[in-house]
Amino acid sequence: MSTYISGGCKNGKSFYAQRVAKAGGSPLYYIATMIPSDDEDLARIRRHREERAGWGFETLECGRDILSCLDSADPSGAFLLDSVTALLSNEMFAPGGVDMDAPERIAGALETFVDRAPNTVLVSDYIFSDAMLYDELTEAYRRGLALIDRRLAARCDNVIEVVAGQFIVHKGALPV
């Protein structure tokens, strides 16, 4: 069963997603999409690794070309992809220039991923609630993430928003 989880940063999405994935069976894979760029990123990665310790996850580092991680994993396993937000950033702002086609390509790749590995939990950040207008490139990124989020919400069996540690079910049911 596929589950899409969204919400603000640092509100329990990743921990909850780990529980959902763990309940999904084995083998158990954690797809780490963040490509660290500073000490804050490294600290977040350390914290997530510590939170996963002892859970039985095999970590697959895959910051770009998300379908390639299925080459070394059993598609019948349970997958936790954390996060869609970082994946878009990595693809859209890759070395060599901005790729404005990345959102559409990633949305298609993630739909294919869920089709090939139906027991997948996907985590994304909700970055749309402020009223601020950003520069053109940031707005393009936000629109791209919204496109991906809408397509994943349509494709996944469960759609859950995490707000201040509370779970709001928009589609399906709470898996755990």
C-alpha atoms as a PDB file:
ATOM      1  CA  MET A   1       0.000   0.000   0.000  1.00  0.00           C
ATOM      2  CA  SER A   2       1.439   3.379  -0.989  1.00  0.00           C
ATOM      3  CA  THR A   3       1.360   6.292   1.437  1.00  0.00           C
ATOM      4  CA  TYR A   4       2.094   9.954   0.799  1.00  0.00           C
ATOM      5  CA  ILE A   5       2.926  12.053   3.890  1.00  0.00           C
ATOM      6  CA  SER A   6       3.237  15.833   3.859  1.00  0.00           C
ATOM      7  CA  GLY A   7       3.553  18.540   6.468  1.00  0.00           C
ATOM      8  CA  GLY A   8       5.791  21.255   7.829  1.00  0.00           C
ATOM      9  CA  CYS A   9       9.411  20.626   8.709  1.00  0.00           C
ATOM     10  CA  LYS A  10      10.384  19.056  12.025  1.00  0.00           C
ATOM     11  CA  ASN A  11       6.886  17.955  13.001  1.00  0.00           C
ATOM     12  CA  GLY A  12       7.227  14.167  13.087  1.00  0.00           C
ATOM     13  CA  LYS A  13       6.692  13.212   9.419  1.00  0.00           C
ATOM     14  CA  SER A  14       9.880  11.186   9.102  1.00  0.00           C
ATOM     15  CA  PHE A  15       9.408   9.270  12.345  1.00  0.00           C
ATOM     16  CA  TYR A  16       5.812   8.449  11.463  1.00  0.00           C
ATOM     17  CA  ALA A  17       6.879   7.438   7.938  1.00  0.00           C
ATOM     18  CA  GLN A  18       9.412   5.031   9.463  1.00  0.00           C
ATOM     19  CA  ARG A  19       6.627   3.371  11.450  1.00  0.00           C
ATOM     20  CA  VAL A  20       4.430   3.066   8.357  1.00  0.00           C
ATOM     21  CA  ALA A  21       7.259   1.589   6.276  1.00  0.00           C
ATOM     22  CA  LYS A  22       8.295  -0.816   9.047  1.00  0.00           C
ATOM     23  CA  ALA A  23       4.720  -2.136   9.229  1.00  0.00           C
ATOM     24  CA  GLY A  24       4.863  -2.756   5.476  1.00  0.00           C
ATOM     25  CA  GLY A  25       7.155  -5.755   5.651  1.00  0.00           C
ATOM     26  CA  SER A  26      10.645  -6.613   4.497  1.00  0.00           C
ATOM     27  CA  PRO A  27      13.133  -6.147   3.100  1.00  0.00           C
ATOM     28  CA  LEU A  28      12.985  -2.607   4.425  1.00  0.00           C
ATOM     29  CA  TYR A  29      14.635   0.221   2.482  1.00  0.00           C
ATOM     30  CA  TYR A  30      15.239   3.855   3.367  1.00  0.00           C
ATOM     31  CA  ILE A  31      15.850   5.980   0.276  1.00  0.00           C
ATOM     32  CA  ALA A  32      17.873   8.982   1.389  1.00  0.00           C
ATOM     33  CA  THR A  33      17.540  11.772  -1.161  1.00  0.00           C
ATOM     34  CA  MET A  34      19.351  14.621   0.601  1.00  0.00           C
ATOM     35  CA  ILE A  35      22.684  15.610  -0.874  1.00  0.00           C
ATOM     36  CA  PRO A  36      24.209  17.589   1.996  1.00  0.00           C
ATOM     37  CA  SER A  37      25.500  21.078   1.316  1.00  0.00           C
ATOM     38  CA  ASP A  38      26.256  22.376   4.812  1.00  0.00           C
ATOM     39  CA  ASP A  39      26.635  21.448   8.486  1.00  0.00           C
ATOM     40  CA  GLU A  40      22.884  21.766   9.105  1.00  0.00           C
ATOM     41  CA  ASP A  41      22.219  19.151   6.407  1.00  0.00           C
ATOM     42  CA  LEU A  42      24.847  16.852   7.907  1.00  0.00           C
ATOM     43  CA  ALA A  43      23.273  17.246  11.358  1.00  0.00           C
ATOM     44  CA  ARG A  44      19.821  16.378   9.955  1.00  0.00           C
ATOM     45  CA  ILE A  45      21.241  13.296   8.234  1.00  0.00           C
ATOM     46  CA  ARG A  46      22.915  12.201  11.494  1.00  0.00           C
ATOM     47  CA  ARG A  47      19.666  12.689  13.423  1.00  0.00           C
ATOM     48  CA  HIS A  48      17.659  10.653  10.884  1.00  0.00           C
ATOM     49  CA  ARG A  49      20.264   7.865  10.939  1.00  0.00           C
ATOM     50  CA  GLU A  50      20.125   7.764  14.732  1.00  0.00           C
ATOM     51  CA  GLU A  51      16.311   7.624  14.618  1.00  0.00           C
ATOM     52  CA  ARG A  52      16.479   4.676  12.186  1.00  0.00           C
ATOM     53  CA  ALA A  53      19.105   2.742  14.140  1.00  0.00           C
ATOM     54  CA  GLY A  54      17.863  -0.728  15.002  1.00  0.00           C
ATOM     55  CA  TRP A  55      14.784  -0.511  12.761  1.00  0.00           C
ATOM     56  CA  GLY A  56      16.220  -2.819  10.074  1.00  0.00           C
ATOM     57  CA  PHE A  57      16.392  -0.323   7.225  1.00  0.00           C
ATOM     58  CA  GLU A  58      18.915  -0.742   4.443  1.00  0.00           C
ATOM     59  CA  THR A  59      19.815   2.780   3.372  1.00  0.00           C
ATOM     60  CA  LEU A  60      19.932   3.554  -0.339  1.00  0.00           C
ATOM     61  CA  GLU A  61      21.566   6.904  -1.096  1.00  0.00           C
ATOM     62  CA  CYS A  62      19.762   8.212  -4.162  1.00  0.00           C
ATOM     63  CA  GLY A  63      19.729  11.983  -4.542  1.00  0.00           C
ATOM     64  CA  ARG A  64      19.066  11.894  -8.278  1.00  0.00           C
ATOM     65  CA  ASP A  65      17.618   9.449 -10.831  1.00  0.00           C
ATOM     66  CA  ILE A  66      15.259   7.890  -8.299  1.00  0.00           C
ATOM     67  CA  LEU A  67      14.367   4.845 -10.372  1.00  0.00           C
ATOM     68  CA  SER A  68      18.009   3.706 -10.340  1.00  0.00           C
ATOM     69  CA  CYS A  69      17.723   2.635  -6.687  1.00  0.00           C
ATOM     70  CA  LEU A  70      15.326  -0.127  -7.746  1.00  0.00           C
ATOM     71  CA  ASP A  71      18.258  -1.725  -9.618  1.00  0.00           C
ATOM     72  CA  SER A  72      19.712  -2.828  -6.266  1.00  0.00           C
ATOM     73  CA  ALA A  73      16.534  -3.398  -4.260  1.00  0.00           C
ATOM     74  CA  ASP A  74      13.696  -5.906  -4.155  1.00  0.00           C
ATOM     75  CA  PRO A  75      10.587  -4.082  -5.464  1.00  0.00           C
ATOM     76  CA  SER A  76       8.371  -6.284  -3.278  1.00  0.00           C
ATOM     77  CA  GLY A  77       9.991  -4.786  -0.180  1.00  0.00           C
ATOM     78  CA  ALA A  78       8.872  -1.773   1.839  1.00  0.00           C
ATOM     79  CA  PHE A  79      10.371   1.580   0.857  1.00  0.00           C
ATOM     80  CA  LEU A  80      10.576   4.905   2.651  1.00  0.00           C
ATOM     81  CA  LEU A  81      11.574   7.786   0.369  1.00  0.00           C
ATOM     82  CA  ASP A  82      12.583  10.827   2.391  1.00  0.00           C
ATOM     83  CA  SER A  83      12.188  13.332   0.856  1.00  0.00           C
ATOM     84  CA  VAL A  84      10.471  14.368  -2.345  1.00  0.00           C
ATOM     85  CA  THR A  85      11.413  17.964  -1.490  1.00  0.00           C
ATOM     86  CA  ALA A  86      15.144  17.233  -1.508  1.00  0.00           C
ATOM     87  CA  LEU A  87      14.860  15.083  -4.622  1.00  0.00           C
ATOM     88  CA  LEU A  88      13.298  17.980  -6.552  1.00  0.00           C
ATOM     89  CA  SER A  89      15.961  20.377  -5.296  1.00  0.00           C
ATOM     90  CA  ASN A  90      18.746  18.007  -6.345  1.00  0.00           C
ATOM     91  CA  GLU A  91      17.316  17.505  -9.827  1.00  0.00           C
ATOM     92  CA  MET A  92      16.120  21.052 -10.481  1.00  0.00           C
ATOM     93  CA  PHE A  93      19.302  22.737  -9.237  1.00  0.00           C
ATOM     94  CA  ALA A  94      21.904  20.178 -10.336  1.00  0.00           C
ATOM     95  CA  PRO A  95      25.406  21.277 -11.249  1.00  0.00           C
ATOM     96  CA  GLY A  96      25.348  22.704 -14.737  1.00  0.00           C
ATOM     97  CA  GLY A  97      22.258  24.862 -14.403  1.00  0.00           C
ATOM     98  CA  VAL A  98      18.603  24.996 -13.519  1.00  0.00           C
ATOM     99  CA  ASP A  99      16.414  22.275 -15.016  1.00  0.00           C
ATOM    100  CA  MET A 100      12.886  23.649 -15.324  1.00  0.00           C
ATOM    101  CA  ASP A 101      11.662  20.279 -16.675  1.00  0.00           C
ATOM    102  CA  ALA A 102      12.647  18.469 -13.467  1.00  0.00           C
ATOM    103  CA  PRO A 103       9.228  18.628 -11.724  1.00  0.00           C
ATOM    104  CA  GLU A 104       7.382  16.873 -14.561  1.00  0.00           C
ATOM    105  CA  ARG A 105      10.154  14.284 -14.961  1.00  0.00           C
ATOM    106  CA  ILE A 106      10.299  13.558 -11.215  1.00  0.00           C
ATOM    107  CA  ALA A 107       6.511  13.293 -10.943  1.00  0.00           C
ATOM    108  CA  GLY A 108       6.549  10.671 -13.695  1.00  0.00           C
ATOM    109  CA  ALA A 109       9.481   8.822 -12.159  1.00  0.00           C
ATOM    110  CA  LEU A 110       7.827   8.715  -8.736  1.00  0.00           C
ATOM    111  CA  GLU A 111       4.569   7.454 -10.236  1.00  0.00           C
ATOM    112  CA  THR A 112       6.560   4.718 -11.975  1.00  0.00           C
ATOM    113  CA  PHE A 113       8.359   3.994  -8.686  1.00  0.00           C
ATOM    114  CA  VAL A 114       5.057   3.504  -6.852  1.00  0.00           C
ATOM    115  CA  ASP A 115       3.800   1.286  -9.679  1.00  0.00           C
ATOM    116  CA  ARG A 116       6.931  -0.897  -9.532  1.00  0.00           C
ATOM    117  CA  ALA A 117       7.267  -0.869  -5.716  1.00  0.00           C
ATOM    118  CA  PRO A 118       3.700  -0.511  -4.439  1.00  0.00           C
ATOM    119  CA  ASN A 119       4.660  -0.649  -0.744  1.00  0.00           C
ATOM    120  CA  THR A 120       6.232   2.801  -0.711  1.00  0.00           C
ATOM    121  CA  VAL A 121       5.982   5.674   1.765  1.00  0.00           C
ATOM    122  CA  LEU A 122       6.878   9.092   0.348  1.00  0.00           C
ATOM    123  CA  VAL A 123       7.628  12.133   2.517  1.00  0.00           C
ATOM    124  CA  SER A 124       7.318  15.705   1.278  1.00  0.00           C
ATOM    125  CA  ASP A 125       7.431  19.115   2.926  1.00  0.00           C
ATOM    126  CA  TYR A 126       4.437  21.416   2.854  1.00  0.00           C
ATOM    127  CA  ILE A 127       5.948  24.767   1.820  1.00  0.00           C
ATOM    128  CA  PHE A 128       2.853  26.540   0.572  1.00  0.00           C
ATOM    129  CA  SER A 129       1.147  28.136   3.582  1.00  0.00           C
ATOM    130  CA  ASP A 130       2.836  31.521   3.751  1.00  0.00           C
ATOM    131  CA  ALA A 131       1.611  34.558   1.833  1.00  0.00           C
ATOM    132  CA  MET A 132       5.044  35.749   0.824  1.00  0.00           C
ATOM    133  CA  LEU A 133       5.942  36.192  -2.823  1.00  0.00           C
ATOM    134  CA  TYR A 134       9.360  34.827  -3.649  1.00  0.00           C
ATOM    135  CA  ASP A 135      11.712  35.351  -6.547  1.00  0.00           C
ATOM    136  CA  GLU A 136      10.818  33.714  -9.860  1.00  0.00           C
ATOM    137  CA  LEU A 137      13.090  30.687  -9.385  1.00  0.00           C
ATOM    138  CA  THR A 138      11.798  29.925  -5.878  1.00  0.00           C
ATOM    139  CA  GLU A 139       8.226  30.234  -7.113  1.00  0.00           C
ATOM    140  CA  ALA A 140       9.041  27.835  -9.967  1.00  0.00           C
ATOM    141  CA  TYR A 141      10.397  25.354  -7.393  1.00  0.00           C
ATOM    142  CA  ARG A 142       7.257  25.708  -5.238  1.00  0.00           C
ATOM    143  CA  ARG A 143       5.008  25.190  -8.278  1.00  0.00           C
ATOM    144  CA  GLY A 144       7.090  22.156  -9.244  1.00  0.00           C
ATOM    145  CA  LEU A 145       6.775  20.609  -5.782  1.00  0.00           C
ATOM    146  CA  ALA A 146       3.032  21.301  -5.808  1.00  0.00           C
ATOM    147  CA  LEU A 147       2.748  19.495  -9.168  1.00  0.00           C
ATOM    148  CA  ILE A 148       4.616  16.462  -7.805  1.00  0.00           C
ATOM    149  CA  ASP A 149       2.602  16.484  -4.570  1.00  0.00           C
ATOM    150  CA  ARG A 150      -0.729  16.569  -6.442  1.00  0.00           C
ATOM    151  CA  ARG A 151       0.279  13.689  -8.679  1.00  0.00           C
ATOM    152  CA  LEU A 152       1.506  11.598  -5.744  1.00  0.00           C
ATOM    153  CA  ALA A 153      -1.669  12.343  -3.798  1.00  0.00           C
ATOM    154  CA  ALA A 154      -3.687  11.094  -6.769  1.00  0.00           C
ATOM    155  CA  ARG A 155      -1.538   7.967  -7.175  1.00  0.00           C
ATOM    156  CA  CYS A 156      -1.081   6.863  -3.546  1.00  0.00           C
ATOM    157  CA  ASP A 157      -3.572   4.823  -1.521  1.00  0.00           C
ATOM    158  CA  ASN A 158      -3.169   6.967   1.615  1.00  0.00           C
ATOM    159  CA  VAL A 159      -2.577  10.713   1.829  1.00  0.00           C
ATOM    160  CA  ILE A 160      -1.712  12.037   5.281  1.00  0.00           C
ATOM    161  CA  GLU A 161      -0.805  15.504   6.478  1.00  0.00           C
ATOM    162  CA  VAL A 162       1.139  15.860   9.714  1.00  0.00           C
ATOM    163  CA  VAL A 163       0.474  19.100  11.591  1.00  0.00           C
ATOM    164  CA  ALA A 164       2.095  19.667  14.979  1.00  0.00           C
ATOM    165  CA  GLY A 165       2.262  15.919  15.534  1.00  0.00           C
ATOM    166  CA  GLN A 166      -1.403  15.409  14.608  1.00  0.00           C
ATOM    167  CA  PHE A 167      -2.419  13.294  11.615  1.00  0.00           C
ATOM    168  CA  ILE A 168      -5.005  14.474   9.111  1.00  0.00           C
ATOM    169  CA  VAL A 169      -6.148  11.795   6.665  1.00  0.00           C
ATOM    170  CA  HIS A 170      -7.043  13.278   3.281  1.00  0.00           C
ATOM    171  CA  LYS A 171      -7.374   9.939   1.489  1.00  0.00           C
ATOM    172  CA  GLY A 172      -7.433   6.317   2.636  1.00  0.00           C
ATOM    173  CA  ALA A 173      -6.645   5.606   6.265  1.00  0.00           C
ATOM    174  CA  LEU A 174      -3.852   5.826   8.821  1.00  0.00           C
ATOM    175  CA  PRO A 175      -1.711   2.754   8.083  1.00  0.00           C
ATOM    176  CA  VAL A 176      -0.447   2.532  11.689  1.00  0.00           C
END
